[in-house]
C-alpha cells in the first residue's frame, strides 16, 4: 500500500441472496422393500449424501438404502444438500408405516427453507498507481451462512480462487463465515466463485472510475504475468 499513488479506503460492497427457482420443488417417493431395505426416488443432485443420511436416521446399513434419481427437474445446486431433509423425512415415514410415502414442497415452503446463494458484506482497501496498476488490496468479507453449516465452510476457498484472477500486488483478506438466524444457505451455480468474480470486477471498475480510465485498460494492466502466477498459485 505504501507504493501506491492513490488509495481507496473502506469502500463497501453488499451482495444479496438468490433463490434457485427450479421447475420442480423438493420432492421424494419412498417405497419399503424386502429384507429391511428401502428404495428412495428423490429429486437430488447428490444421491450418495441422501443414502448415508437416511441410513443413519433409520439405523440400517447403507447398502439397504437404494437412492434413485431419474431426473432432477432443475437444480442449480439447490438439490445437492437441501433435498436430503425431504428424502429423509419421507424415508422415516415409509420405514415406520411400511407403506409407500410421497412428499413434495409447495413453492412457498420451498423458498422459505432452501436458502439460496450466500449474501455477503464486503469492505476493501485498494492502492494503485497513476497508470492503473494495483499495488495492494485488502478485503474484509462477512458471509451470511444462515442457521446451518451446509457447504458454507468451503465458500471462502472458492472466493479466493476467483479473486486471484488478477495480480493485486500485495493481497490480504479476512473472511468470516457468520452463523445467523436466516435460513441455511447452500451451493448455487458457482458458489463463492460468482461473488469473488463480482468483487474483483467491482474493485477494478472503482479504480478505473477514480483515474477516469477505460476499465479494460485497468484490467489489462493487472492481468497476471508468469512471475505473478507463480507467486499467487
Protein backbone atom coordinates (compact mmCIF):
# COMPACT_ATOMS: atom_id res chain seq x y z
CA UNK A 1 0.00 0.00 0.00
CA UNK A 2 2.94 2.33 0.65
CA UNK A 3 3.91 2.20 -3.04
CA UNK A 4 0.51 3.48 -4.18
CA UNK A 5 -0.05 6.90 -5.72
CA UNK A 6 -3.78 6.70 -4.86
CA UNK A 7 -5.82 4.85 -2.28
CA UNK A 8 -9.46 3.91 -1.88
CA UNK A 9 -10.22 3.16 1.78
CA UNK A 10 -13.19 1.47 3.42
CA UNK A 11 -15.22 1.01 0.25
CA UNK A 12 -18.24 -1.27 0.65
CA UNK A 13 -19.98 -3.89 -1.48
CA UNK A 14 -23.19 -5.66 -0.44
CA UNK A 15 -24.27 -8.83 -2.21
CA UNK A 16 -27.79 -10.19 -1.77
CA UNK A 17 -29.08 -13.75 -1.92
CA UNK A 18 -30.80 -15.51 -4.83
CA UNK A 19 -33.42 -18.26 -4.91
CA UNK A 20 -32.93 -21.18 -7.30
CA UNK A 21 -36.44 -21.23 -8.79
CA UNK A 22 -36.07 -24.68 -10.33
CA UNK A 23 -39.13 -26.03 -12.13
CA UNK A 24 -39.85 -28.87 -9.69
CA UNK A 25 -39.75 -28.20 -5.94
CA UNK A 26 -38.12 -30.59 -3.46
CA UNK A 27 -39.83 -33.98 -3.74
CA UNK A 28 -39.33 -37.65 -2.84
CA UNK A 29 -41.09 -41.00 -3.08
CA UNK A 30 -40.00 -43.83 -0.78
CA UNK A 31 -41.07 -47.47 -1.12
CA UNK A 32 -40.25 -50.09 1.56
CA UNK A 33 -38.61 -53.20 0.11
CA UNK A 34 -37.99 -56.72 1.41
CA UNK A 35 -35.14 -57.71 3.76
CA UNK A 36 -35.29 -54.41 5.69
CA UNK A 37 -34.38 -52.45 2.56
CA UNK A 38 -35.84 -49.20 1.28
CA UNK A 39 -35.99 -47.61 -2.19
CA UNK A 40 -35.86 -43.83 -2.38
CA UNK A 41 -36.81 -41.87 -5.50
CA UNK A 42 -35.51 -38.36 -4.91
CA UNK A 43 -35.06 -35.23 -6.98
CA UNK A 44 -31.50 -34.82 -5.69
CA UNK A 45 -28.14 -33.86 -7.17
CA UNK A 46 -26.12 -35.86 -4.62
CA UNK A 47 -27.83 -39.22 -4.01
CA UNK A 48 -24.83 -40.57 -2.09
CA UNK A 49 -25.38 -38.00 0.68
CA UNK A 50 -29.06 -38.91 0.96
CA UNK A 51 -28.11 -42.58 1.20
CA UNK A 52 -25.74 -42.06 4.14
CA UNK A 53 -28.12 -39.70 5.98
CA UNK A 54 -31.13 -41.99 5.60
CA UNK A 55 -29.02 -44.95 6.71
CA UNK A 56 -28.03 -43.19 9.94
CA UNK A 57 -31.58 -41.95 10.57
CA UNK A 58 -33.16 -45.39 10.19
CA UNK A 59 -30.33 -47.31 11.81
CA UNK A 60 -29.82 -49.63 8.85
CA UNK A 61 -26.72 -50.31 6.70
CA UNK A 62 -26.11 -48.04 3.72
CA UNK A 63 -26.39 -50.98 1.33
CA UNK A 64 -30.00 -51.37 2.47
CA UNK A 65 -30.82 -47.91 1.11
CA UNK A 66 -31.20 -47.52 -2.65
CA UNK A 67 -31.48 -43.91 -3.83
CA UNK A 68 -32.62 -43.41 -7.43
CA UNK A 69 -32.55 -40.07 -9.24
CA UNK A 70 -34.23 -40.32 -12.60
CA UNK A 71 -34.24 -36.59 -13.24
CA UNK A 72 -33.68 -33.52 -11.11
CA UNK A 73 -36.24 -31.14 -12.59
CA UNK A 74 -33.88 -28.21 -12.30
CA UNK A 75 -31.30 -27.96 -9.54
CA UNK A 76 -28.59 -25.29 -9.84
CA UNK A 77 -27.11 -26.54 -6.55
CA UNK A 78 -30.39 -26.26 -4.67
CA UNK A 79 -30.94 -30.02 -4.74
CA UNK A 80 -27.46 -31.02 -3.65
CA UNK A 81 -27.93 -30.74 0.12
CA UNK A 82 -31.41 -29.27 0.51
CA UNK A 83 -33.13 -32.35 -0.93
CA UNK A 84 -31.76 -34.52 1.90
CA UNK A 85 -34.23 -33.45 4.68
CA UNK A 86 -37.24 -34.13 2.43
CA UNK A 87 -35.93 -37.52 1.33
CA UNK A 88 -35.02 -38.47 4.91
CA UNK A 89 -38.37 -37.42 6.40
CA UNK A 90 -40.16 -39.33 3.66
CA UNK A 91 -37.98 -42.40 4.27
CA UNK A 92 -38.64 -42.30 8.02
CA UNK A 93 -42.40 -42.25 7.47
CA UNK A 94 -42.28 -45.04 4.87
CA UNK A 95 -39.98 -47.20 7.02
CA UNK A 96 -42.22 -46.95 10.10
CA UNK A 97 -45.54 -47.22 8.28
CA UNK A 98 -44.27 -50.00 5.96
CA UNK A 99 -46.03 -48.41 3.02
CA UNK A 100 -45.03 -46.06 0.19
CA UNK A 101 -44.88 -42.37 1.11
CA UNK A 102 -44.55 -39.39 -1.20
CA UNK A 103 -43.65 -35.85 -0.14
CA UNK A 104 -43.28 -32.61 -2.02
CA UNK A 105 -43.00 -28.97 -1.00
CA UNK A 106 -45.20 -26.22 -2.32
CA UNK A 107 -43.31 -23.26 -3.75
CA UNK A 108 -43.76 -21.01 -0.72
CA UNK A 109 -42.37 -23.59 1.72
CA UNK A 110 -39.56 -24.46 -0.69
CA UNK A 111 -38.49 -20.81 -0.95
CA UNK A 112 -38.50 -20.40 2.83
CA UNK A 113 -36.41 -23.49 3.58
CA UNK A 114 -34.00 -23.81 0.67
CA UNK A 115 -31.94 -20.72 1.46
CA UNK A 116 -30.24 -19.88 -1.83
CA UNK A 117 -26.97 -18.07 -2.51
CA UNK A 118 -24.86 -16.66 0.35
CA UNK A 119 -25.38 -12.92 0.99
CA UNK A 120 -22.18 -11.02 1.80
CA UNK A 121 -20.91 -7.70 3.08
CA UNK A 122 -17.50 -6.65 1.80
CA UNK A 123 -15.20 -3.79 2.79
CA UNK A 124 -12.00 -3.22 0.84
CA UNK A 125 -8.92 -1.01 0.77
CA UNK A 126 -7.01 -0.75 -2.51
CA UNK A 127 -3.86 1.13 -3.50
CA UNK A 128 -2.89 1.81 -7.10
CA UNK A 129 -0.51 3.74 -9.36
CA UNK A 130 -1.34 6.62 -11.68
CA UNK A 131 -1.27 4.22 -14.65
CA UNK A 132 -3.88 1.91 -13.09
CA UNK A 133 -1.54 -0.78 -11.73
CA UNK A 134 -2.88 -2.01 -8.41
CA UNK A 135 -0.20 -2.41 -5.76
CA UNK A 136 -2.23 -3.69 -2.80
CA UNK A 137 -5.70 -4.99 -1.95
CA UNK A 138 -7.16 -5.91 1.42
CA UNK A 139 -10.63 -7.45 1.79
CA UNK A 140 -12.82 -7.87 4.88
CA UNK A 141 -15.69 -10.20 3.99
CA UNK A 142 -18.66 -11.32 6.11
CA UNK A 143 -20.56 -14.31 4.69
CA UNK A 144 -24.12 -14.91 5.88
CA UNK A 145 -24.25 -18.70 6.19
CA UNK A 146 -27.66 -18.83 7.88
CA UNK A 147 -28.55 -21.16 10.73
CA UNK A 148 -26.82 -24.31 9.46
CA UNK A 149 -23.39 -25.30 8.15
CA UNK A 150 -24.25 -26.82 4.76
CA UNK A 151 -21.33 -26.05 2.35
CA UNK A 152 -20.58 -22.64 3.90
CA UNK A 153 -17.10 -23.53 5.28
CA UNK A 154 -15.70 -24.05 1.76
CA UNK A 155 -17.16 -20.85 0.25
CA UNK A 156 -14.06 -18.76 1.20
CA UNK A 157 -11.81 -21.19 -0.71
CA UNK A 158 -13.85 -20.76 -3.89
CA UNK A 159 -14.00 -17.00 -3.41
CA UNK A 160 -10.26 -16.54 -3.05
CA UNK A 161 -9.66 -18.69 -6.13
CA UNK A 162 -11.90 -16.38 -8.16
CA UNK A 163 -10.48 -13.16 -6.71
CA UNK A 164 -6.94 -14.22 -7.62
CA UNK A 165 -7.74 -13.86 -11.32
CA UNK A 166 -5.88 -10.51 -11.19
CA UNK A 167 -2.41 -9.58 -9.95
CA UNK A 168 -3.26 -7.43 -6.93
CA UNK A 169 0.32 -6.94 -5.80
CA UNK A 170 0.15 -7.31 -2.00
CA UNK A 171 -3.09 -9.22 -1.43
CA UNK A 172 -4.60 -9.91 2.00
CA UNK A 173 -8.05 -10.85 3.23
CA UNK A 174 -10.08 -11.61 6.34
CA UNK A 175 -13.13 -13.77 5.56
CA UNK A 176 -15.60 -14.71 8.29
CA UNK A 177 -18.42 -17.23 7.82
CA UNK A 178 -21.23 -15.99 10.08
CA UNK A 179 -24.00 -18.00 11.67
CA UNK A 180 -27.25 -16.01 11.61
CA UNK A 181 -30.97 -16.53 12.20
CA UNK A 182 -31.67 -16.78 8.46
CA UNK A 183 -32.40 -20.00 6.58
CA UNK A 184 -29.25 -22.02 5.87
CA UNK A 185 -27.57 -21.02 2.61
CA UNK A 186 -26.27 -23.59 0.15
CA UNK A 187 -24.47 -24.21 -3.14
CA UNK A 188 -25.73 -22.21 -6.08
CA UNK A 189 -24.22 -22.08 -9.59
CA UNK A 190 -20.53 -21.45 -8.99
CA UNK A 191 -20.79 -20.98 -5.20
CA UNK A 192 -18.28 -18.38 -3.98
CA UNK A 193 -16.80 -18.02 -7.44
CA UNK A 194 -19.62 -15.75 -8.61
CA UNK A 195 -19.26 -13.46 -5.59
CA UNK A 196 -15.46 -13.48 -5.86
CA UNK A 197 -15.64 -12.50 -9.53
CA UNK A 198 -18.12 -9.72 -8.79
CA UNK A 199 -15.86 -8.32 -6.05
CA UNK A 200 -12.81 -8.40 -8.34
CA UNK A 201 -14.59 -6.57 -11.13
CA UNK A 202 -16.12 -4.03 -8.72
CA UNK A 203 -12.64 -3.13 -7.43
CA UNK A 204 -11.25 -2.83 -10.97
CA UNK A 205 -14.14 -0.60 -12.06
CA UNK A 206 -13.79 1.59 -8.94
CA UNK A 207 -10.09 2.15 -9.68
CA UNK A 208 -10.87 2.95 -13.32
CA UNK A 209 -13.55 5.43 -12.25
CA UNK A 210 -11.19 7.27 -9.86
CA UNK A 211 -8.50 7.54 -12.55
CA UNK A 212 -11.01 8.32 -15.34
CA UNK A 213 -9.51 5.47 -17.33
CA UNK A 214 -11.11 2.89 -19.60
CA UNK A 215 -11.94 -0.12 -17.41
CA UNK A 216 -10.48 -2.59 -19.91
CA UNK A 217 -7.14 -0.73 -19.75
CA UNK A 218 -7.10 -1.19 -15.97
CA UNK A 219 -7.99 -4.87 -16.39
CA UNK A 220 -5.13 -5.36 -18.87
CA UNK A 221 -2.73 -3.56 -16.55
CA UNK A 222 -3.49 -6.00 -13.76
CA UNK A 223 -3.51 -9.29 -15.63
CA UNK A 224 -1.15 -11.94 -14.35
CA UNK A 225 2.38 -12.39 -15.66
CA UNK A 226 4.30 -15.64 -15.41
CA UNK A 227 6.01 -14.42 -12.23
CA UNK A 228 2.81 -13.29 -10.56
CA UNK A 229 1.08 -16.57 -11.42
CA UNK A 230 3.97 -18.43 -9.84
CA UNK A 231 3.65 -16.24 -6.74
CA UNK A 232 -0.17 -16.33 -6.41
CA UNK A 233 -0.58 -20.03 -7.13
